[in-house]
Amino acid sequence: MTPYPTLEADPEDKNLVILQSLICLLREKNILSRADIEDLCATVQARAADHAHDKLPCAASSAKAAANEIAQIGDYVGHKYGGKHRRAN
């Protein structure tokens, strides 16, 4: 079985640029809501907090970097496009 590639939070990484652009495009077209992006942030943060028990293996430093990056993307998209926050349960 081939191991999963490690993710690096490099601002010059072409995959990161594509991901950022895709999230913005999906939000701009109202395919993703602000609440969806907040859920995505929470999911990534949960993976970073408990990476040892994550079903998709990743390095702890990569998970923390991903959580930081998605939080920045969420903040940017929230300020640029607005929208309703997810409901508190």
PDB file of N, CA and C in Angstrom:
ATOM      1  N   MET A   1       0.838  -1.171   0.000  1.00  0.00           N
ATOM      2  CA  MET A   1       0.000   0.000   0.000  1.00  0.00           C
ATOM      3  C   MET A   1       0.896   1.252   0.000  1.00  0.00           C
ATOM      4  N   THR A   2       0.589   2.187  -0.851  1.00  0.00           N
ATOM      5  CA  THR A   2       1.361   3.418  -0.936  1.00  0.00           C
ATOM      6  C   THR A   2       0.967   4.357   0.195  1.00  0.00           C
ATOM      7  N   PRO A   3       1.950   4.903   0.922  1.00  0.00           N
ATOM      8  CA  PRO A   3       1.601   5.819   2.020  1.00  0.00           C
ATOM      9  C   PRO A   3       1.043   7.130   1.467  1.00  0.00           C
ATOM     10  N   TYR A   4       0.239   7.784   2.288  1.00  0.00           N
ATOM     11  CA  TYR A   4      -0.305   9.083   1.893  1.00  0.00           C
ATOM     12  C   TYR A   4       0.829  10.095   1.833  1.00  0.00           C
ATOM     13  N   PRO A   5       0.778  11.018   0.867  1.00  0.00           N
ATOM     14  CA  PRO A   5       1.830  12.037   0.817  1.00  0.00           C
ATOM     15  C   PRO A   5       1.685  13.002   1.984  1.00  0.00           C
ATOM     16  N   THR A   6       2.813  13.517   2.436  1.00  0.00           N
ATOM     17  CA  THR A   6       2.749  14.503   3.502  1.00  0.00           C
ATOM     18  C   THR A   6       2.409  15.854   2.904  1.00  0.00           C
ATOM     19  N   LEU A   7       1.653  16.658   3.635  1.00  0.00           N
ATOM     20  CA  LEU A   7       1.259  17.982   3.180  1.00  0.00           C
ATOM     21  C   LEU A   7       2.173  19.016   3.814  1.00  0.00           C
ATOM     22  N   GLU A   8       2.603  19.940   3.052  1.00  0.00           N
ATOM     23  CA  GLU A   8       3.439  21.025   3.552  1.00  0.00           C
ATOM     24  C   GLU A   8       2.688  22.330   3.359  1.00  0.00           C
ATOM     25  N   ALA A   9       2.694  23.180   4.355  1.00  0.00           N
ATOM     26  CA  ALA A   9       2.011  24.468   4.266  1.00  0.00           C
ATOM     27  C   ALA A   9       2.947  25.505   3.660  1.00  0.00           C
ATOM     28  N   ASP A  10       3.315  25.274   2.428  1.00  0.00           N
ATOM     29  CA  ASP A  10       4.211  26.175   1.711  1.00  0.00           C
ATOM     30  C   ASP A  10       3.364  27.111   0.854  1.00  0.00           C
ATOM     31  N   PRO A  11       3.444  28.439   1.076  1.00  0.00           N
ATOM     32  CA  PRO A  11       2.609  29.360   0.316  1.00  0.00           C
ATOM     33  C   PRO A  11       2.863  29.319  -1.195  1.00  0.00           C
ATOM     34  N   GLU A  12       3.971  28.742  -1.609  1.00  0.00           N
ATOM     35  CA  GLU A  12       4.255  28.639  -3.034  1.00  0.00           C
ATOM     36  C   GLU A  12       3.836  27.284  -3.604  1.00  0.00           C
ATOM     37  N   ASP A  13       3.236  26.462  -2.791  1.00  0.00           N
ATOM     38  CA  ASP A  13       2.803  25.146  -3.228  1.00  0.00           C
ATOM     39  C   ASP A  13       1.620  25.282  -4.186  1.00  0.00           C
ATOM     40  N   LYS A  14       1.735  24.696  -5.361  1.00  0.00           N
ATOM     41  CA  LYS A  14       0.671  24.816  -6.362  1.00  0.00           C
ATOM     42  C   LYS A  14      -0.634  24.187  -5.887  1.00  0.00           C
ATOM     43  N   ASN A  15      -0.568  23.131  -5.095  1.00  0.00           N
ATOM     44  CA  ASN A  15      -1.788  22.511  -4.585  1.00  0.00           C
ATOM     45  C   ASN A  15      -2.534  23.443  -3.640  1.00  0.00           C
ATOM     46  N   LEU A  16      -1.791  24.182  -2.830  1.00  0.00           N
ATOM     47  CA  LEU A  16      -2.403  25.117  -1.902  1.00  0.00           C
ATOM     48  C   LEU A  16      -3.083  26.257  -2.659  1.00  0.00           C
ATOM     49  N   VAL A  17      -2.440  26.741  -3.699  1.00  0.00           N
ATOM     50  CA  VAL A  17      -3.024  27.811  -4.512  1.00  0.00           C
ATOM     51  C   VAL A  17      -4.318  27.326  -5.161  1.00  0.00           C
ATOM     52  N   ILE A  18      -4.312  26.108  -5.667  1.00  0.00           N
ATOM     53  CA  ILE A  18      -5.509  25.541  -6.289  1.00  0.00           C
ATOM     54  C   ILE A  18      -6.616  25.384  -5.255  1.00  0.00           C
ATOM     55  N   LEU A  19      -6.292  24.865  -4.080  1.00  0.00           N
ATOM     56  CA  LEU A  19      -7.292  24.684  -3.024  1.00  0.00           C
ATOM     57  C   LEU A  19      -7.895  26.010  -2.586  1.00  0.00           C
ATOM     58  N   GLN A  20      -7.045  27.003  -2.355  1.00  0.00           N
ATOM     59  CA  GLN A  20      -7.546  28.315  -1.950  1.00  0.00           C
ATOM     60  C   GLN A  20      -8.474  28.889  -3.013  1.00  0.00           C
ATOM     61  N   SER A  21      -8.069  28.802  -4.262  1.00  0.00           N
ATOM     62  CA  SER A  21      -8.869  29.336  -5.358  1.00  0.00           C
ATOM     63  C   SER A  21     -10.182  28.589  -5.504  1.00  0.00           C
ATOM     64  N   LEU A  22     -10.147  27.286  -5.339  1.00  0.00           N
ATOM     65  CA  LEU A  22     -11.357  26.471  -5.451  1.00  0.00           C
ATOM     66  C   LEU A  22     -12.352  26.809  -4.350  1.00  0.00           C
ATOM     67  N   ILE A  23     -11.882  26.937  -3.119  1.00  0.00           N
ATOM     68  CA  ILE A  23     -12.776  27.286  -2.013  1.00  0.00           C
ATOM     69  C   ILE A  23     -13.412  28.647  -2.256  1.00  0.00           C
ATOM     70  N   CYS A  24     -12.619  29.610  -2.704  1.00  0.00           N
ATOM     71  CA  CYS A  24     -13.167  30.943  -2.989  1.00  0.00           C
ATOM     72  C   CYS A  24     -14.187  30.889  -4.122  1.00  0.00           C
ATOM     73  N   LEU A  25     -13.891  30.142  -5.172  1.00  0.00           N
ATOM     74  CA  LEU A  25     -14.810  30.032  -6.294  1.00  0.00           C
ATOM     75  C   LEU A  25     -16.126  29.370  -5.877  1.00  0.00           C
ATOM     76  N   LEU A  26     -16.038  28.300  -5.108  1.00  0.00           N
ATOM     77  CA  LEU A  26     -17.250  27.617  -4.644  1.00  0.00           C
ATOM     78  C   LEU A  26     -18.086  28.515  -3.739  1.00  0.00           C
ATOM     79  N   ARG A  27     -17.427  29.319  -2.917  1.00  0.00           N
ATOM     80  CA  ARG A  27     -18.156  30.249  -2.048  1.00  0.00           C
ATOM     81  C   ARG A  27     -18.793  31.370  -2.872  1.00  0.00           C
ATOM     82  N   GLU A  28     -18.040  31.874  -3.852  1.00  0.00           N
ATOM     83  CA  GLU A  28     -18.535  32.952  -4.704  1.00  0.00           C
ATOM     84  C   GLU A  28     -19.792  32.520  -5.461  1.00  0.00           C
ATOM     85  N   LYS A  29     -19.843  31.264  -5.876  1.00  0.00           N
ATOM     86  CA  LYS A  29     -20.987  30.742  -6.611  1.00  0.00           C
ATOM     87  C   LYS A  29     -22.075  30.192  -5.684  1.00  0.00           C
ATOM     88  N   ASN A  30     -21.917  30.413  -4.389  1.00  0.00           N
ATOM     89  CA  ASN A  30     -22.872  29.961  -3.375  1.00  0.00           C
ATOM     90  C   ASN A  30     -23.059  28.448  -3.346  1.00  0.00           C
ATOM     91  N   ILE A  31     -22.034  27.716  -3.756  1.00  0.00           N
ATOM     92  CA  ILE A  31     -22.057  26.261  -3.629  1.00  0.00           C
ATOM     93  C   ILE A  31     -21.661  25.882  -2.214  1.00  0.00           C
ATOM     94  N   LEU A  32     -20.697  26.607  -1.667  1.00  0.00           N
ATOM     95  CA  LEU A  32     -20.308  26.463  -0.264  1.00  0.00           C
ATOM     96  C   LEU A  32     -20.847  27.663   0.496  1.00  0.00           C
ATOM     97  N   SER A  33     -21.429  27.411   1.640  1.00  0.00           N
ATOM     98  CA  SER A  33     -21.868  28.507   2.495  1.00  0.00           C
ATOM     99  C   SER A  33     -20.754  28.832   3.496  1.00  0.00           C
ATOM    100  N   ARG A  34     -20.909  29.941   4.157  1.00  0.00           N
ATOM    101  CA  ARG A  34     -19.947  30.280   5.211  1.00  0.00           C
ATOM    102  C   ARG A  34     -19.985  29.209   6.298  1.00  0.00           C
ATOM    103  N   ALA A  35     -21.168  28.689   6.572  1.00  0.00           N
ATOM    104  CA  ALA A  35     -21.304  27.630   7.574  1.00  0.00           C
ATOM    105  C   ALA A  35     -20.560  26.367   7.143  1.00  0.00           C
ATOM    106  N   ASP A  36     -20.604  26.046   5.840  1.00  0.00           N
ATOM    107  CA  ASP A  36     -19.864  24.881   5.335  1.00  0.00           C
ATOM    108  C   ASP A  36     -18.371  25.056   5.568  1.00  0.00           C
ATOM    109  N   ILE A  37     -17.878  26.262   5.320  1.00  0.00           N
ATOM    110  CA  ILE A  37     -16.453  26.535   5.501  1.00  0.00           C
ATOM    111  C   ILE A  37     -16.091  26.467   6.978  1.00  0.00           C
ATOM    112  N   GLU A  38     -16.982  26.944   7.851  1.00  0.00           N
ATOM    113  CA  GLU A  38     -16.732  26.833   9.291  1.00  0.00           C
ATOM    114  C   GLU A  38     -16.710  25.374   9.724  1.00  0.00           C
ATOM    115  N   ASP A  39     -17.595  24.546   9.152  1.00  0.00           N
ATOM    116  CA  ASP A  39     -17.576  23.109   9.451  1.00  0.00           C
ATOM    117  C   ASP A  39     -16.268  22.476   8.985  1.00  0.00           C
ATOM    118  N   LEU A  40     -15.800  22.874   7.807  1.00  0.00           N
ATOM    119  CA  LEU A  40     -14.534  22.378   7.294  1.00  0.00           C
ATOM    120  C   LEU A  40     -13.385  22.765   8.225  1.00  0.00           C
ATOM    121  N   CYS A  41     -13.394  24.009   8.704  1.00  0.00           N
ATOM    122  CA  CYS A  41     -12.369  24.457   9.659  1.00  0.00           C
ATOM    123  C   CYS A  41     -12.390  23.601  10.918  1.00  0.00           C
ATOM    124  N   ALA A  42     -13.582  23.337  11.430  1.00  0.00           N
ATOM    125  CA  ALA A  42     -13.711  22.538  12.651  1.00  0.00           C
ATOM    126  C   ALA A  42     -13.206  21.112  12.432  1.00  0.00           C
ATOM    127  N   THR A  43     -13.501  20.546  11.275  1.00  0.00           N
ATOM    128  CA  THR A  43     -13.052  19.188  10.964  1.00  0.00           C
ATOM    129  C   THR A  43     -11.532  19.117  10.887  1.00  0.00           C
ATOM    130  N   VAL A  44     -10.928  20.077  10.215  1.00  0.00           N
ATOM    131  CA  VAL A  44      -9.469  20.089  10.091  1.00  0.00           C
ATOM    132  C   VAL A  44      -8.825  20.308  11.455  1.00  0.00           C
ATOM    133  N   GLN A  45      -9.395  21.195  12.258  1.00  0.00           N
ATOM    134  CA  GLN A  45      -8.853  21.430  13.602  1.00  0.00           C
ATOM    135  C   GLN A  45      -8.974  20.183  14.472  1.00  0.00           C
ATOM    136  N   ALA A  46     -10.074  19.459  14.334  1.00  0.00           N
ATOM    137  CA  ALA A  46     -10.247  18.220  15.103  1.00  0.00           C
ATOM    138  C   ALA A  46      -9.202  17.183  14.696  1.00  0.00           C
ATOM    139  N   ARG A  47      -8.918  17.106  13.401  1.00  0.00           N
ATOM    140  CA  ARG A  47      -7.882  16.177  12.932  1.00  0.00           C
ATOM    141  C   ARG A  47      -6.522  16.572  13.482  1.00  0.00           C
ATOM    142  N   ALA A  48      -6.256  17.866  13.538  1.00  0.00           N
ATOM    143  CA  ALA A  48      -4.967  18.340  14.051  1.00  0.00           C
ATOM    144  C   ALA A  48      -4.853  18.071  15.543  1.00  0.00           C
ATOM    145  N   ALA A  49      -5.959  18.206  16.260  1.00  0.00           N
ATOM    146  CA  ALA A  49      -5.942  18.016  17.712  1.00  0.00           C
ATOM    147  C   ALA A  49      -5.750  16.547  18.093  1.00  0.00           C
ATOM    148  N   ASP A  50      -6.239  15.634  17.264  1.00  0.00           N
ATOM    149  CA  ASP A  50      -6.153  14.211  17.587  1.00  0.00           C
ATOM    150  C   ASP A  50      -5.608  13.428  16.394  1.00  0.00           C
ATOM    151  N   HIS A  51      -4.460  13.871  15.886  1.00  0.00           N
ATOM    152  CA  HIS A  51      -3.909  13.258  14.678  1.00  0.00           C
ATOM    153  C   HIS A  51      -3.501  11.799  14.884  1.00  0.00           C
ATOM    154  N   ALA A  52      -3.209  11.401  16.103  1.00  0.00           N
ATOM    155  CA  ALA A  52      -2.785  10.023  16.364  1.00  0.00           C
ATOM    156  C   ALA A  52      -3.907   9.018  16.084  1.00  0.00           C
ATOM    157  N   HIS A  53      -5.159   9.438  16.252  1.00  0.00           N
ATOM    158  CA  HIS A  53      -6.294   8.547  16.035  1.00  0.00           C
ATOM    159  C   HIS A  53      -7.045   8.860  14.744  1.00  0.00           C
ATOM    160  N   ASP A  54      -6.449   9.668  13.899  1.00  0.00           N
ATOM    161  CA  ASP A  54      -7.081  10.040  12.644  1.00  0.00           C
ATOM    162  C   ASP A  54      -7.102   8.849  11.698  1.00  0.00           C
ATOM    163  N   LYS A  55      -8.223   8.648  11.003  1.00  0.00           N
ATOM    164  CA  LYS A  55      -8.344   7.532  10.065  1.00  0.00           C
ATOM    165  C   LYS A  55      -7.503   7.742   8.815  1.00  0.00           C
ATOM    166  N   LEU A  56      -7.248   9.014   8.471  1.00  0.00           N
ATOM    167  CA  LEU A  56      -6.367   9.329   7.350  1.00  0.00           C
ATOM    168  C   LEU A  56      -5.044   9.799   7.930  1.00  0.00           C
ATOM    169  N   PRO A  57      -4.012   8.989   7.846  1.00  0.00           N
ATOM    170  CA  PRO A  57      -2.752   9.340   8.510  1.00  0.00           C
ATOM    171  C   PRO A  57      -2.127  10.618   7.956  1.00  0.00           C
ATOM    172  N   CYS A  58      -1.566  11.386   8.863  1.00  0.00           N
ATOM    173  CA  CYS A  58      -0.844  12.601   8.477  1.00  0.00           C
ATOM    174  C   CYS A  58       0.121  12.946   9.609  1.00  0.00           C
ATOM    175  N   ALA A  59       1.130  13.729   9.272  1.00  0.00           N
ATOM    176  CA  ALA A  59       2.098  14.161  10.271  1.00  0.00           C
ATOM    177  C   ALA A  59       1.465  15.243  11.140  1.00  0.00           C
ATOM    178  N   ALA A  60       1.829  15.269  12.408  1.00  0.00           N
ATOM    179  CA  ALA A  60       1.262  16.250  13.345  1.00  0.00           C
ATOM    180  C   ALA A  60       1.536  17.671  12.872  1.00  0.00           C
ATOM    181  N   SER A  61       2.740  17.939  12.400  1.00  0.00           N
ATOM    182  CA  SER A  61       3.063  19.288  11.952  1.00  0.00           C
ATOM    183  C   SER A  61       2.246  19.676  10.727  1.00  0.00           C
ATOM    184  N   SER A  62       1.998  18.718   9.838  1.00  0.00           N
ATOM    185  CA  SER A  62       1.177  18.988   8.657  1.00  0.00           C
ATOM    186  C   SER A  62      -0.265  19.261   9.044  1.00  0.00           C
ATOM    187  N   ALA A  63      -0.783  18.507  10.004  1.00  0.00           N
ATOM    188  CA  ALA A  63      -2.168  18.706  10.442  1.00  0.00           C
ATOM    189  C   ALA A  63      -2.330  20.080  11.084  1.00  0.00           C
ATOM    190  N   LYS A  64      -1.369  20.481  11.892  1.00  0.00           N
ATOM    191  CA  LYS A  64      -1.439  21.806  12.525  1.00  0.00           C
ATOM    192  C   LYS A  64      -1.321  22.911  11.487  1.00  0.00           C
ATOM    193  N   ALA A  65      -0.433  22.733  10.515  1.00  0.00           N
ATOM    194  CA  ALA A  65      -0.279  23.722   9.446  1.00  0.00           C
ATOM    195  C   ALA A  65      -1.552  23.813   8.614  1.00  0.00           C
ATOM    196  N   ALA A  66      -2.180  22.671   8.355  1.00  0.00           N
ATOM    197  CA  ALA A  66      -3.434  22.658   7.594  1.00  0.00           C
ATOM    198  C   ALA A  66      -4.542  23.367   8.368  1.00  0.00           C
ATOM    199  N   ALA A  67      -4.613  23.142   9.673  1.00  0.00           N
ATOM    200  CA  ALA A  67      -5.628  23.807  10.493  1.00  0.00           C
ATOM    201  C   ALA A  67      -5.427  25.315  10.465  1.00  0.00           C
ATOM    202  N   ASN A  68      -4.186  25.755  10.537  1.00  0.00           N
ATOM    203  CA  ASN A  68      -3.883  27.177  10.472  1.00  0.00           C
ATOM    204  C   ASN A  68      -4.265  27.755   9.109  1.00  0.00           C
ATOM    205  N   GLU A  69      -3.927  27.032   8.056  1.00  0.00           N
ATOM    206  CA  GLU A  69      -4.209  27.507   6.697  1.00  0.00           C
ATOM    207  C   GLU A  69      -5.714  27.591   6.439  1.00  0.00           C
ATOM    208  N   ILE A  70      -6.473  26.575   6.838  1.00  0.00           N
ATOM    209  CA  ILE A  70      -7.915  26.598   6.581  1.00  0.00           C
ATOM    210  C   ILE A  70      -8.591  27.681   7.417  1.00  0.00           C
ATOM    211  N   ALA A  71      -8.063  27.967   8.598  1.00  0.00           N
ATOM    212  CA  ALA A  71      -8.608  29.060   9.409  1.00  0.00           C
ATOM    213  C   ALA A  71      -8.387  30.398   8.697  1.00  0.00           C
ATOM    214  N   GLN A  72      -7.212  30.571   8.097  1.00  0.00           N
ATOM    215  CA  GLN A  72      -6.933  31.800   7.357  1.00  0.00           C
ATOM    216  C   GLN A  72      -7.832  31.910   6.126  1.00  0.00           C
ATOM    217  N   ILE A  73      -8.028  30.803   5.429  1.00  0.00           N
ATOM    218  CA  ILE A  73      -8.916  30.802   4.264  1.00  0.00           C
ATOM    219  C   ILE A  73     -10.340  31.127   4.704  1.00  0.00           C
ATOM    220  N   GLY A  74     -10.779  30.519   5.803  1.00  0.00           N
ATOM    221  CA  GLY A  74     -12.127  30.779   6.317  1.00  0.00           C
ATOM    222  C   GLY A  74     -12.322  32.231   6.695  1.00  0.00           C
ATOM    223  N   ASP A  75     -11.331  32.825   7.344  1.00  0.00           N
ATOM    224  CA  ASP A  75     -11.412  34.249   7.696  1.00  0.00           C
ATOM    225  C   ASP A  75     -11.494  35.114   6.450  1.00  0.00           C
ATOM    226  N   TYR A  76     -10.657  34.819   5.473  1.00  0.00           N
ATOM    227  CA  TYR A  76     -10.641  35.604   4.236  1.00  0.00           C
ATOM    228  C   TYR A  76     -11.988  35.506   3.515  1.00  0.00           C
ATOM    229  N   VAL A  77     -12.459  34.278   3.335  1.00  0.00           N
ATOM    230  CA  VAL A  77     -13.719  34.064   2.616  1.00  0.00           C
ATOM    231  C   VAL A  77     -14.882  34.701   3.379  1.00  0.00           C
ATOM    232  N   GLY A  78     -14.864  34.587   4.704  1.00  0.00           N
ATOM    233  CA  GLY A  78     -15.922  35.189   5.511  1.00  0.00           C
ATOM    234  C   GLY A  78     -15.973  36.697   5.360  1.00  0.00           C
ATOM    235  N   HIS A  79     -14.815  37.338   5.331  1.00  0.00           N
ATOM    236  CA  HIS A  79     -14.775  38.792   5.171  1.00  0.00           C
ATOM    237  C   HIS A  79     -15.126  39.222   3.752  1.00  0.00           C
ATOM    238  N   LYS A  80     -14.667  38.454   2.768  1.00  0.00           N
ATOM    239  CA  LYS A  80     -14.883  38.844   1.373  1.00  0.00           C
ATOM    240  C   LYS A  80     -16.314  38.587   0.916  1.00  0.00           C
ATOM    241  N   TYR A  81     -16.881  37.430   1.256  1.00  0.00           N
ATOM    242  CA  TYR A  81     -18.182  37.043   0.732  1.00  0.00           C
ATOM    243  C   TYR A  81     -19.302  37.083   1.759  1.00  0.00           C
ATOM    244  N   GLY A  82     -18.952  37.151   3.045  1.00  0.00           N
ATOM    245  CA  GLY A  82     -19.974  37.214   4.082  1.00  0.00           C
ATOM    246  C   GLY A  82     -20.772  35.933   4.165  1.00  0.00           C
ATOM    247  N   GLY A  83     -22.001  36.053   4.618  1.00  0.00           N
ATOM    248  CA  GLY A  83     -22.881  34.892   4.766  1.00  0.00           C
ATOM    249  C   GLY A  83     -23.186  34.606   6.208  1.00  0.00           C
ATOM    250  N   LYS A  84     -24.085  33.679   6.399  1.00  0.00           N
ATOM    251  CA  LYS A  84     -24.506  33.312   7.751  1.00  0.00           C
ATOM    252  C   LYS A  84     -23.533  32.304   8.346  1.00  0.00           C
ATOM    253  N   HIS A  85     -23.285  32.499   9.644  1.00  0.00           N
ATOM    254  CA  HIS A  85     -22.475  31.540  10.398  1.00  0.00           C
ATOM    255  C   HIS A  85     -23.298  30.283  10.616  1.00  0.00           C
ATOM    256  N   ARG A  86     -22.627  29.199  10.948  1.00  0.00           N
ATOM    257  CA  ARG A  86     -23.374  27.981  11.263  1.00  0.00           C
ATOM    258  C   ARG A  86     -24.100  28.179  12.588  1.00  0.00           C
ATOM    259  N   ARG A  87     -25.134  27.430  12.766  1.00  0.00           N
ATOM    260  CA  ARG A  87     -25.932  27.543  13.982  1.00  0.00           C
ATOM    261  C   ARG A  87     -25.231  26.854  15.128  1.00  0.00           C
ATOM    262  N   ALA A  88     -25.295  27.469  16.289  1.00  0.00           N
ATOM    263  CA  ALA A  88     -24.742  26.851  17.496  1.00  0.00           C
ATOM    264  C   ALA A  88     -25.735  25.812  17.985  1.00  0.00           C
ATOM    265  N   ASN A  89     -25.213  24.637  18.300  1.00  0.00           N
ATOM    266  CA  ASN A  89     -26.113  23.548  18.782  1.00  0.00           C
ATOM    267  C   ASN A  89     -26.279  23.592  20.249  1.00  0.00           C
TER     268      ASN A  89
END
